[in-house]
Amino acid sequence: WFAETEESALVISGITGRINRAVWGPGNRTIITAGEDATIRIWDSETGKLLKESDKEAGHQKAISSLSKSLDWSHFLTGSLDKSAKLWDARTLTLIKTYVTELPVNAVDMSPTLDNVVIGGGQDAMNVTMTDRRAGKFEAKFFHKILQEEIGGVKGHFGPINALAFNPDGKRFSSGGEDGYVRLHHFDPEYFNIKM
């Protein structure tokens, strides 16, 4: 956007449906988009030209709801309503890992200090009952980033989780849900010594 003319510096078109996430790629040379059509796209940030598109078979099968990038921007994590989160190479768009859950994924993030990812979500609000909370369906679930194994979960929300963020020091994380609460969670010392 140019302030003096109030015109867009670049308009990227040709995408079907709503875009849920758009982030800068490595070196700010690309823009990565993801949305309702379940496709991740990498665009040239100067020209708007489509450079890469995620593989339809290996990629998500339903809308992508969340995207989180690693600190070094070598990879990023996506969450989808297809009940999975996927780890991707940020330059080649190669699928690295898949984390499977039992409910739609609305939010994802990666630990800045450990090889862990956190995934949260839940079913649509109109289908929620109190028994769902007691059954643990609104947990923030933690997976080992490399081994793909679930290592734990944190309960607390009364509805689907829509936002997750690790603190930059990696010692805590926050979650936001459809219940109208933002919760701040501090990790116990045991979290930093989990052996796989």
Protein backbone atom coordinates (compact mmCIF):
# COMPACT_ATOMS: atom_id res chain seq x y z
CA TRP A 1 0.00 0.00 0.00
CA PHE A 2 1.31 3.38 -0.97
CA ALA A 3 0.29 6.04 1.58
CA GLU A 4 0.53 8.96 -0.81
CA THR A 5 -1.76 7.41 -3.46
CA GLU A 6 -3.72 5.02 -1.22
CA GLU A 7 -3.21 2.28 -3.80
CA SER A 8 -2.16 -1.31 -3.21
CA ALA A 9 1.48 -2.07 -3.96
CA LEU A 10 0.50 -5.55 -5.16
CA VAL A 11 -2.77 -7.43 -5.59
CA ILE A 12 -2.65 -11.21 -5.78
CA SER A 13 -5.65 -12.82 -7.44
CA GLY A 14 -6.71 -16.20 -8.75
CA ILE A 15 -7.51 -17.79 -5.40
CA THR A 16 -10.81 -19.58 -4.86
CA GLY A 17 -12.56 -18.79 -1.58
CA ARG A 18 -11.55 -17.01 1.59
CA ILE A 19 -7.91 -16.60 2.60
CA ASN A 20 -7.48 -17.44 6.28
CA ARG A 21 -3.73 -16.81 6.55
CA ALA A 22 -1.11 -14.83 4.64
CA VAL A 23 2.47 -14.56 5.91
CA TRP A 24 5.81 -13.41 4.56
CA GLY A 25 8.16 -16.16 3.41
CA PRO A 26 11.94 -16.50 3.87
CA GLY A 27 13.80 -13.24 3.23
CA ASN A 28 10.49 -11.46 2.52
CA ARG A 29 10.84 -12.62 -1.10
CA THR A 30 7.61 -14.59 -1.01
CA ILE A 31 4.11 -14.51 0.46
CA ILE A 32 2.51 -17.74 1.64
CA THR A 33 -1.29 -17.99 1.63
CA ALA A 34 -3.70 -20.64 2.90
CA GLY A 35 -7.46 -20.76 3.18
CA GLU A 36 -10.81 -22.33 2.45
CA ASP A 37 -9.74 -24.18 -0.68
CA ALA A 38 -7.29 -26.30 1.42
CA THR A 39 -4.35 -25.20 -0.73
CA ILE A 40 -1.12 -23.51 0.34
CA ARG A 41 0.39 -21.19 -2.25
CA ILE A 42 3.74 -19.46 -2.41
CA TRP A 43 3.77 -16.18 -4.38
CA ASP A 44 6.58 -13.90 -5.52
CA SER A 45 6.23 -10.78 -3.34
CA GLU A 46 7.48 -8.46 -6.11
CA THR A 47 5.44 -9.71 -9.07
CA GLY A 48 2.53 -11.62 -7.51
CA LYS A 49 3.39 -14.64 -9.68
CA LEU A 50 2.39 -18.04 -8.30
CA LEU A 51 5.59 -20.00 -7.59
CA LYS A 52 4.36 -23.17 -5.86
CA GLU A 53 1.14 -24.84 -4.77
CA SER A 54 0.69 -27.64 -2.21
CA ASP A 55 0.12 -31.16 -3.49
CA LYS A 56 -3.62 -31.95 -3.38
CA GLU A 57 -3.06 -35.57 -2.30
CA ALA A 58 -0.44 -34.93 0.41
CA GLY A 59 -1.98 -31.63 1.50
CA HIS A 60 -5.03 -30.79 3.55
CA GLN A 61 -8.44 -32.04 2.46
CA LYS A 62 -10.53 -29.29 4.10
CA ALA A 63 -10.11 -25.58 4.85
CA ILE A 64 -6.80 -24.45 6.36
CA SER A 65 -7.54 -22.46 9.51
CA SER A 66 -4.10 -21.67 10.92
CA LEU A 67 -0.46 -21.18 9.95
CA SER A 68 2.60 -20.69 12.16
CA LYS A 69 6.19 -20.25 10.99
CA SER A 70 9.42 -21.39 12.64
CA LEU A 71 11.81 -18.80 14.06
CA ASP A 72 14.38 -19.46 11.33
CA TRP A 73 11.65 -19.60 8.67
CA SER A 74 12.88 -22.95 7.38
CA HIS A 75 9.47 -24.55 7.92
CA PHE A 76 5.90 -23.75 8.89
CA LEU A 77 2.92 -25.53 10.44
CA THR A 78 -0.67 -25.48 9.18
CA GLY A 79 -3.89 -26.57 10.89
CA SER A 80 -7.02 -27.67 9.08
CA LEU A 81 -10.65 -28.60 9.56
CA ASP A 82 -9.63 -32.03 8.17
CA LYS A 83 -8.48 -32.90 11.73
CA SER A 84 -4.77 -32.59 11.02
CA ALA A 85 -1.81 -30.27 11.28
CA LYS A 86 1.03 -30.46 8.77
CA LEU A 87 4.66 -29.35 8.85
CA TRP A 88 6.01 -27.96 5.55
CA ASP A 89 9.37 -26.90 4.13
CA ALA A 90 9.04 -23.13 3.60
CA ARG A 91 11.12 -23.01 0.40
CA THR A 92 10.07 -26.16 -1.45
CA LEU A 93 6.56 -26.65 -0.01
CA THR A 94 7.45 -30.28 0.66
CA LEU A 95 5.34 -31.99 3.32
CA ILE A 96 7.59 -32.99 6.25
CA LYS A 97 5.23 -34.32 8.96
CA THR A 98 1.52 -34.81 9.68
CA TYR A 99 -0.10 -34.70 13.14
CA VAL A 100 -3.55 -36.30 13.34
CA THR A 101 -6.25 -35.32 15.87
CA GLU A 102 -9.85 -36.42 16.41
CA LEU A 103 -11.40 -32.96 15.91
CA PRO A 104 -11.04 -30.04 13.47
CA VAL A 105 -7.89 -27.95 14.05
CA ASN A 106 -8.40 -24.18 14.45
CA ALA A 107 -5.01 -23.11 15.83
CA VAL A 108 -1.37 -24.24 15.78
CA ASP A 109 1.99 -22.99 17.01
CA MET A 110 5.57 -24.23 17.41
CA SER A 111 7.73 -24.02 20.50
CA PRO A 112 10.61 -21.56 20.06
CA THR A 113 12.86 -23.65 22.32
CA LEU A 114 11.87 -27.33 21.96
CA ASP A 115 10.87 -29.67 19.15
CA ASN A 116 7.19 -29.47 20.11
CA VAL A 117 4.04 -28.23 18.42
CA VAL A 118 0.71 -27.33 20.02
CA ILE A 119 -2.60 -27.94 18.28
CA GLY A 120 -6.09 -26.83 19.32
CA GLY A 121 -9.58 -26.77 17.93
CA GLY A 122 -12.88 -28.52 18.41
CA GLN A 123 -16.22 -29.01 16.77
CA ASP A 124 -18.57 -26.22 15.73
CA ALA A 125 -19.98 -24.23 18.64
CA MET A 126 -23.58 -25.21 17.85
CA ASN A 127 -22.69 -28.89 18.41
CA VAL A 128 -20.94 -28.36 21.75
CA THR A 129 -22.28 -29.84 24.99
CA MET A 130 -20.87 -29.82 28.53
CA THR A 131 -19.91 -33.49 28.17
CA ASP A 132 -17.45 -32.51 25.43
CA ARG A 133 -15.38 -30.42 27.84
CA ARG A 134 -15.21 -33.21 30.39
CA ALA A 135 -14.14 -35.64 27.67
CA GLY A 136 -11.16 -33.42 26.88
CA LYS A 137 -12.23 -32.32 23.43
CA PHE A 138 -11.12 -28.74 24.04
CA GLU A 139 -7.55 -29.53 25.00
CA ALA A 140 -4.48 -27.90 23.60
CA LYS A 141 -2.56 -31.00 22.49
CA PHE A 142 1.21 -31.17 22.32
CA PHE A 143 3.12 -33.31 19.83
CA HIS A 144 6.82 -33.98 19.38
CA LYS A 145 7.62 -32.15 16.15
CA ILE A 146 9.97 -34.82 14.78
CA LEU A 147 8.50 -38.07 16.16
CA GLN A 148 4.86 -36.96 15.67
CA GLU A 149 3.88 -38.52 19.01
CA GLU A 150 1.37 -36.83 21.29
CA ILE A 151 3.17 -35.89 24.51
CA GLY A 152 0.37 -34.26 26.50
CA GLY A 153 -2.54 -31.90 26.67
CA VAL A 154 -3.84 -28.93 28.62
CA LYS A 155 -7.55 -28.58 29.38
CA GLY A 156 -9.44 -25.50 30.50
CA HIS A 157 -11.66 -24.17 27.73
CA PHE A 158 -15.42 -24.76 27.55
CA GLY A 159 -15.48 -24.49 23.76
CA PRO A 160 -13.27 -24.83 20.70
CA ILE A 161 -9.78 -23.32 20.87
CA ASN A 162 -9.27 -20.70 18.16
CA ALA A 163 -5.88 -19.18 19.05
CA LEU A 164 -2.57 -20.52 20.39
CA ALA A 165 0.76 -18.80 20.94
CA PHE A 166 3.99 -19.79 22.68
CA ASN A 167 5.72 -17.06 24.64
CA PRO A 168 9.10 -16.27 22.99
CA ASP A 169 10.93 -17.75 26.00
CA GLY A 170 9.12 -21.08 25.49
CA LYS A 171 8.19 -21.31 29.19
CA ARG A 172 4.48 -20.63 28.72
CA PHE A 173 1.75 -20.42 26.12
CA SER A 174 -1.62 -18.75 25.73
CA SER A 175 -4.87 -20.08 24.31
CA GLY A 176 -8.05 -18.33 23.26
CA GLY A 177 -11.39 -20.00 22.77
CA GLU A 178 -15.00 -19.61 21.75
CA ASP A 179 -15.83 -19.57 25.46
CA GLY A 180 -14.61 -15.95 25.51
CA TYR A 181 -11.51 -16.62 27.59
CA VAL A 182 -7.79 -16.20 26.99
CA ARG A 183 -5.83 -18.53 29.22
CA LEU A 184 -2.15 -18.20 30.11
CA HIS A 185 -0.46 -21.52 30.90
CA HIS A 186 2.94 -21.94 32.60
CA PHE A 187 4.79 -25.19 31.91
CA ASP A 188 5.84 -27.42 34.80
CA PRO A 189 9.58 -28.22 34.95
CA GLU A 190 8.77 -31.79 33.79
CA TYR A 191 7.71 -30.44 30.39
CA PHE A 192 11.31 -29.50 29.62
CA ASN A 193 12.59 -32.99 30.49
CA ILE A 194 10.16 -35.18 28.54
CA LYS A 195 12.03 -38.17 27.10
CA MET A 196 10.80 -39.83 23.94
